[in-house]
Amino acid sequence: MLNRWLGISALVIVLDQLSKAWITSHFAFGESYAVLSVFNLVLAHNTGAAFSFLNDAGGMQRWLFSFIAIAASVWIVWLLRRHSAQLLFTMALSMILGGALGNLIDRLAYGYVVDFLSFHWDEHYFPAFNLADSAITCGAFLLILDSFKKDKHGLAAS
């Protein structure tokens, strides 16, 4: 059953890396294309974490966030082995693992993460993100949803 969950993570990684390869081959850094009135494709580089946290930390963030991604990935694989029969929980972890490794690949290869999805309302822009970030967010949502399920003893989770 572990292979199924790792396969989902691998699919996330492949889709993430293919989408980043496409955007980097079709856009120059900073170039933007309006798809909808509230959505642009844009080639951005993020040396920090979510919302560009520690973006200007002088380079140490590359290794800090790489270490965190590797440590989290090891822990997630351990959890996947241990809880492989818990479908919602392991689906959530698989998505988070794929997203974390997708961004880790960028961070190790380039020193930054490639972002390209940009939503906005008038002049108010949400920070650009990518498919790996989306998988992490969806996985986190599924973890929250899973926390509301009944536990194995039939009692509501607290």
C-alpha atoms as a PDB file:
ATOM      1  CA  MET A   1       0.000   0.000   0.000  1.00  0.00           C
ATOM      2  CA  LEU A   2       2.957   2.336   0.605  1.00  0.00           C
ATOM      3  CA  ASN A   3       3.774   2.228  -3.120  1.00  0.00           C
ATOM      4  CA  ARG A   4       0.342   3.683  -3.917  1.00  0.00           C
ATOM      5  CA  TRP A   5       0.984   6.681  -1.666  1.00  0.00           C
ATOM      6  CA  LEU A   6       4.507   7.190  -2.971  1.00  0.00           C
ATOM      7  CA  GLY A   7       3.094   6.950  -6.500  1.00  0.00           C
ATOM      8  CA  ILE A   8       0.715   9.830  -5.750  1.00  0.00           C
ATOM      9  CA  SER A   9       3.657  11.847  -4.418  1.00  0.00           C
ATOM     10  CA  ALA A  10       5.634  11.026  -7.565  1.00  0.00           C
ATOM     11  CA  LEU A  11       2.723  12.171  -9.743  1.00  0.00           C
ATOM     12  CA  VAL A  12       2.630  15.502  -7.890  1.00  0.00           C
ATOM     13  CA  ILE A  13       6.389  15.895  -8.412  1.00  0.00           C
ATOM     14  CA  VAL A  14       6.173  15.104 -12.137  1.00  0.00           C
ATOM     15  CA  LEU A  15       3.257  17.485 -12.748  1.00  0.00           C
ATOM     16  CA  ASP A  16       4.957  20.200 -10.710  1.00  0.00           C
ATOM     17  CA  GLN A  17       8.286  19.873 -12.510  1.00  0.00           C
ATOM     18  CA  LEU A  18       6.672  19.680 -15.961  1.00  0.00           C
ATOM     19  CA  SER A  19       4.643  22.821 -15.293  1.00  0.00           C
ATOM     20  CA  LYS A  20       7.742  24.662 -14.055  1.00  0.00           C
ATOM     21  CA  ALA A  21       9.744  23.509 -17.082  1.00  0.00           C
ATOM     22  CA  TRP A  22       6.999  24.792 -19.383  1.00  0.00           C
ATOM     23  CA  ILE A  23       6.767  28.200 -17.736  1.00  0.00           C
ATOM     24  CA  THR A  24      10.548  28.705 -17.658  1.00  0.00           C
ATOM     25  CA  SER A  25      10.826  27.783 -21.347  1.00  0.00           C
ATOM     26  CA  HIS A  26       8.030  30.149 -22.407  1.00  0.00           C
ATOM     27  CA  PHE A  27       8.472  33.164 -20.097  1.00  0.00           C
ATOM     28  CA  ALA A  28      11.334  35.469 -19.159  1.00  0.00           C
ATOM     29  CA  PHE A  29      11.832  36.185 -15.460  1.00  0.00           C
ATOM     30  CA  GLY A  30       9.161  38.673 -14.372  1.00  0.00           C
ATOM     31  CA  GLU A  31       7.129  38.307 -17.566  1.00  0.00           C
ATOM     32  CA  SER A  32       3.383  38.127 -16.982  1.00  0.00           C
ATOM     33  CA  TYR A  33       0.436  37.082 -19.142  1.00  0.00           C
ATOM     34  CA  ALA A  34      -3.168  37.848 -18.138  1.00  0.00           C
ATOM     35  CA  VAL A  35      -5.276  34.697 -18.492  1.00  0.00           C
ATOM     36  CA  LEU A  36      -8.360  36.054 -16.702  1.00  0.00           C
ATOM     37  CA  SER A  37      -9.132  39.420 -15.137  1.00  0.00           C
ATOM     38  CA  VAL A  38      -8.119  37.910 -11.761  1.00  0.00           C
ATOM     39  CA  PHE A  39      -5.433  35.410 -12.857  1.00  0.00           C
ATOM     40  CA  ASN A  40      -2.029  35.789 -14.508  1.00  0.00           C
ATOM     41  CA  LEU A  41       0.760  33.442 -15.439  1.00  0.00           C
ATOM     42  CA  VAL A  42       4.039  35.003 -14.316  1.00  0.00           C
ATOM     43  CA  LEU A  43       7.571  33.678 -13.967  1.00  0.00           C
ATOM     44  CA  ALA A  44       8.760  34.433 -10.443  1.00  0.00           C
ATOM     45  CA  HIS A  45      11.596  33.098  -8.299  1.00  0.00           C
ATOM     46  CA  ASN A  46      11.152  32.660  -4.558  1.00  0.00           C
ATOM     47  CA  THR A  47      14.314  32.156  -2.516  1.00  0.00           C
ATOM     48  CA  GLY A  48      12.261  32.129   0.681  1.00  0.00           C
ATOM     49  CA  ALA A  49       9.330  30.076   1.887  1.00  0.00           C
ATOM     50  CA  ALA A  50       5.583  30.733   1.711  1.00  0.00           C
ATOM     51  CA  PHE A  51       4.749  34.393   1.115  1.00  0.00           C
ATOM     52  CA  SER A  52       8.490  34.987   0.453  1.00  0.00           C
ATOM     53  CA  PHE A  53       9.310  34.463   4.146  1.00  0.00           C
ATOM     54  CA  LEU A  54      13.093  34.960   4.606  1.00  0.00           C
ATOM     55  CA  ASN A  55      13.394  35.828   0.914  1.00  0.00           C
ATOM     56  CA  ASP A  56      16.235  38.268   1.638  1.00  0.00           C
ATOM     57  CA  ALA A  57      18.123  36.204   4.227  1.00  0.00           C
ATOM     58  CA  GLY A  58      21.375  36.138   2.254  1.00  0.00           C
ATOM     59  CA  GLY A  59      21.304  32.546   1.004  1.00  0.00           C
ATOM     60  CA  MET A  60      21.189  30.582   4.243  1.00  0.00           C
ATOM     61  CA  GLN A  61      17.447  30.009   3.708  1.00  0.00           C
ATOM     62  CA  ARG A  62      18.180  27.733   0.750  1.00  0.00           C
ATOM     63  CA  TRP A  63      19.859  25.206   3.024  1.00  0.00           C
ATOM     64  CA  LEU A  64      17.521  25.766   5.971  1.00  0.00           C
ATOM     65  CA  PHE A  65      14.393  25.109   3.889  1.00  0.00           C
ATOM     66  CA  SER A  66      16.095  22.196   2.094  1.00  0.00           C
ATOM     67  CA  PHE A  67      16.925  20.585   5.445  1.00  0.00           C
ATOM     68  CA  ILE A  68      13.360  21.126   6.675  1.00  0.00           C
ATOM     69  CA  ALA A  69      11.938  19.582   3.472  1.00  0.00           C
ATOM     70  CA  ILE A  70      14.215  16.536   3.755  1.00  0.00           C
ATOM     71  CA  ALA A  71      13.451  16.015   7.452  1.00  0.00           C
ATOM     72  CA  ALA A  72       9.707  16.432   6.871  1.00  0.00           C
ATOM     73  CA  SER A  73       9.834  14.011   3.929  1.00  0.00           C
ATOM     74  CA  VAL A  74      11.525  11.321   6.000  1.00  0.00           C
ATOM     75  CA  TRP A  75       8.941  11.781   8.738  1.00  0.00           C
ATOM     76  CA  ILE A  76       6.067  11.683   6.208  1.00  0.00           C
ATOM     77  CA  VAL A  77       7.343   8.436   4.646  1.00  0.00           C
ATOM     78  CA  TRP A  78       7.523   6.934   8.155  1.00  0.00           C
ATOM     79  CA  LEU A  79       3.914   8.050   8.771  1.00  0.00           C
ATOM     80  CA  LEU A  80       2.807   6.643   5.409  1.00  0.00           C
ATOM     81  CA  ARG A  81       4.278   3.232   6.307  1.00  0.00           C
ATOM     82  CA  ARG A  82       2.684   3.260   9.709  1.00  0.00           C
ATOM     83  CA  HIS A  83      -0.784   4.498   8.696  1.00  0.00           C
ATOM     84  CA  SER A  84      -1.112   3.222   5.104  1.00  0.00           C
ATOM     85  CA  ALA A  85      -4.693   1.992   5.657  1.00  0.00           C
ATOM     86  CA  GLN A  86      -5.987   5.446   6.691  1.00  0.00           C
ATOM     87  CA  LEU A  87      -7.022   6.706   3.277  1.00  0.00           C
ATOM     88  CA  LEU A  88      -7.705  10.390   3.868  1.00  0.00           C
ATOM     89  CA  PHE A  89      -4.708  10.836   6.160  1.00  0.00           C
ATOM     90  CA  THR A  90      -2.290   9.137   3.777  1.00  0.00           C
ATOM     91  CA  MET A  91      -3.692  10.945   0.717  1.00  0.00           C
ATOM     92  CA  ALA A  92      -3.045  14.219   2.547  1.00  0.00           C
ATOM     93  CA  LEU A  93       0.492  13.170   3.458  1.00  0.00           C
ATOM     94  CA  SER A  94       1.186  11.990  -0.103  1.00  0.00           C
ATOM     95  CA  MET A  95       0.205  15.370  -1.516  1.00  0.00           C
ATOM     96  CA  ILE A  96       2.309  17.228   1.059  1.00  0.00           C
ATOM     97  CA  LEU A  97       5.279  14.936   0.375  1.00  0.00           C
ATOM     98  CA  GLY A  98       5.042  15.449  -3.391  1.00  0.00           C
ATOM     99  CA  GLY A  99       4.777  19.207  -2.974  1.00  0.00           C
ATOM    100  CA  ALA A 100       7.661  19.405  -0.534  1.00  0.00           C
ATOM    101  CA  LEU A 101       9.914  17.347  -2.806  1.00  0.00           C
ATOM    102  CA  GLY A 102       8.837  19.284  -5.904  1.00  0.00           C
ATOM    103  CA  ASN A 103       9.937  22.533  -4.290  1.00  0.00           C
ATOM    104  CA  LEU A 104      13.064  20.895  -2.846  1.00  0.00           C
ATOM    105  CA  ILE A 105      14.159  19.924  -6.355  1.00  0.00           C
ATOM    106  CA  ASP A 106      13.967  23.591  -7.402  1.00  0.00           C
ATOM    107  CA  ARG A 107      15.703  24.817  -4.282  1.00  0.00           C
ATOM    108  CA  LEU A 108      18.630  22.411  -4.713  1.00  0.00           C
ATOM    109  CA  ALA A 109      18.914  22.883  -8.496  1.00  0.00           C
ATOM    110  CA  TYR A 110      18.473  26.657  -8.733  1.00  0.00           C
ATOM    111  CA  GLY A 111      18.642  28.153  -5.240  1.00  0.00           C
ATOM    112  CA  TYR A 112      15.022  29.300  -5.539  1.00  0.00           C
ATOM    113  CA  VAL A 113      11.552  27.899  -6.184  1.00  0.00           C
ATOM    114  CA  VAL A 114       9.839  28.624  -9.503  1.00  0.00           C
ATOM    115  CA  ASP A 115       6.396  30.198  -8.998  1.00  0.00           C
ATOM    116  CA  PHE A 116       3.985  31.079 -11.783  1.00  0.00           C
ATOM    117  CA  LEU A 117       0.336  31.160 -10.677  1.00  0.00           C
ATOM    118  CA  SER A 118      -0.742  34.671  -9.722  1.00  0.00           C
ATOM    119  CA  PHE A 119      -4.209  35.661  -8.532  1.00  0.00           C
ATOM    120  CA  HIS A 120      -5.216  39.254  -7.919  1.00  0.00           C
ATOM    121  CA  TRP A 121      -8.100  41.624  -7.396  1.00  0.00           C
ATOM    122  CA  ASP A 122      -7.456  45.013  -8.963  1.00  0.00           C
ATOM    123  CA  GLU A 123      -3.982  45.957  -7.689  1.00  0.00           C
ATOM    124  CA  HIS A 124      -4.060  43.522  -4.743  1.00  0.00           C
ATOM    125  CA  TYR A 125      -1.948  40.477  -5.594  1.00  0.00           C
ATOM    126  CA  PHE A 126      -1.778  37.180  -3.733  1.00  0.00           C
ATOM    127  CA  PRO A 127       1.829  35.920  -3.768  1.00  0.00           C
ATOM    128  CA  ALA A 128       2.623  33.776  -6.811  1.00  0.00           C
ATOM    129  CA  PHE A 129       2.722  30.035  -6.206  1.00  0.00           C
ATOM    130  CA  ASN A 130       3.072  26.733  -8.085  1.00  0.00           C
ATOM    131  CA  LEU A 131       1.540  23.239  -8.295  1.00  0.00           C
ATOM    132  CA  ALA A 132       3.732  21.960  -5.450  1.00  0.00           C
ATOM    133  CA  ASP A 133       2.400  24.714  -3.196  1.00  0.00           C
ATOM    134  CA  SER A 134      -1.141  23.822  -4.282  1.00  0.00           C
ATOM    135  CA  ALA A 135      -0.563  20.156  -3.413  1.00  0.00           C
ATOM    136  CA  ILE A 136       0.795  21.124   0.018  1.00  0.00           C
ATOM    137  CA  THR A 137      -2.237  23.356   0.633  1.00  0.00           C
ATOM    138  CA  CYS A 138      -4.698  20.667  -0.499  1.00  0.00           C
ATOM    139  CA  GLY A 139      -2.881  18.111   1.653  1.00  0.00           C
ATOM    140  CA  ALA A 140      -3.090  20.416   4.684  1.00  0.00           C
ATOM    141  CA  PHE A 141      -6.817  20.895   4.048  1.00  0.00           C
ATOM    142  CA  LEU A 142      -7.271  17.092   3.912  1.00  0.00           C
ATOM    143  CA  LEU A 143      -5.355  16.740   7.198  1.00  0.00           C
ATOM    144  CA  ILE A 144      -7.722  19.226   8.815  1.00  0.00           C
ATOM    145  CA  LEU A 145     -10.691  17.372   7.353  1.00  0.00           C
ATOM    146  CA  ASP A 146      -9.256  14.081   8.615  1.00  0.00           C
ATOM    147  CA  SER A 147      -8.902  15.542  12.119  1.00  0.00           C
ATOM    148  CA  PHE A 148     -12.701  15.917  12.275  1.00  0.00           C
ATOM    149  CA  LYS A 149     -13.282  12.240  11.501  1.00  0.00           C
ATOM    150  CA  LYS A 150     -14.111   9.776  14.227  1.00  0.00           C
ATOM    151  CA  ASP A 151     -11.082   8.060  15.680  1.00  0.00           C
ATOM    152  CA  LYS A 152     -10.590   4.295  15.582  1.00  0.00           C
ATOM    153  CA  HIS A 153     -12.558   3.843  18.824  1.00  0.00           C
ATOM    154  CA  GLY A 154     -15.654   5.517  17.394  1.00  0.00           C
ATOM    155  CA  LEU A 155     -15.272   8.654  19.496  1.00  0.00           C
ATOM    156  CA  ALA A 156     -15.179  12.088  17.969  1.00  0.00           C
ATOM    157  CA  ALA A 157     -11.652  13.409  17.697  1.00  0.00           C
ATOM    158  CA  SER A 158     -10.849  16.173  20.139  1.00  0.00           C
END
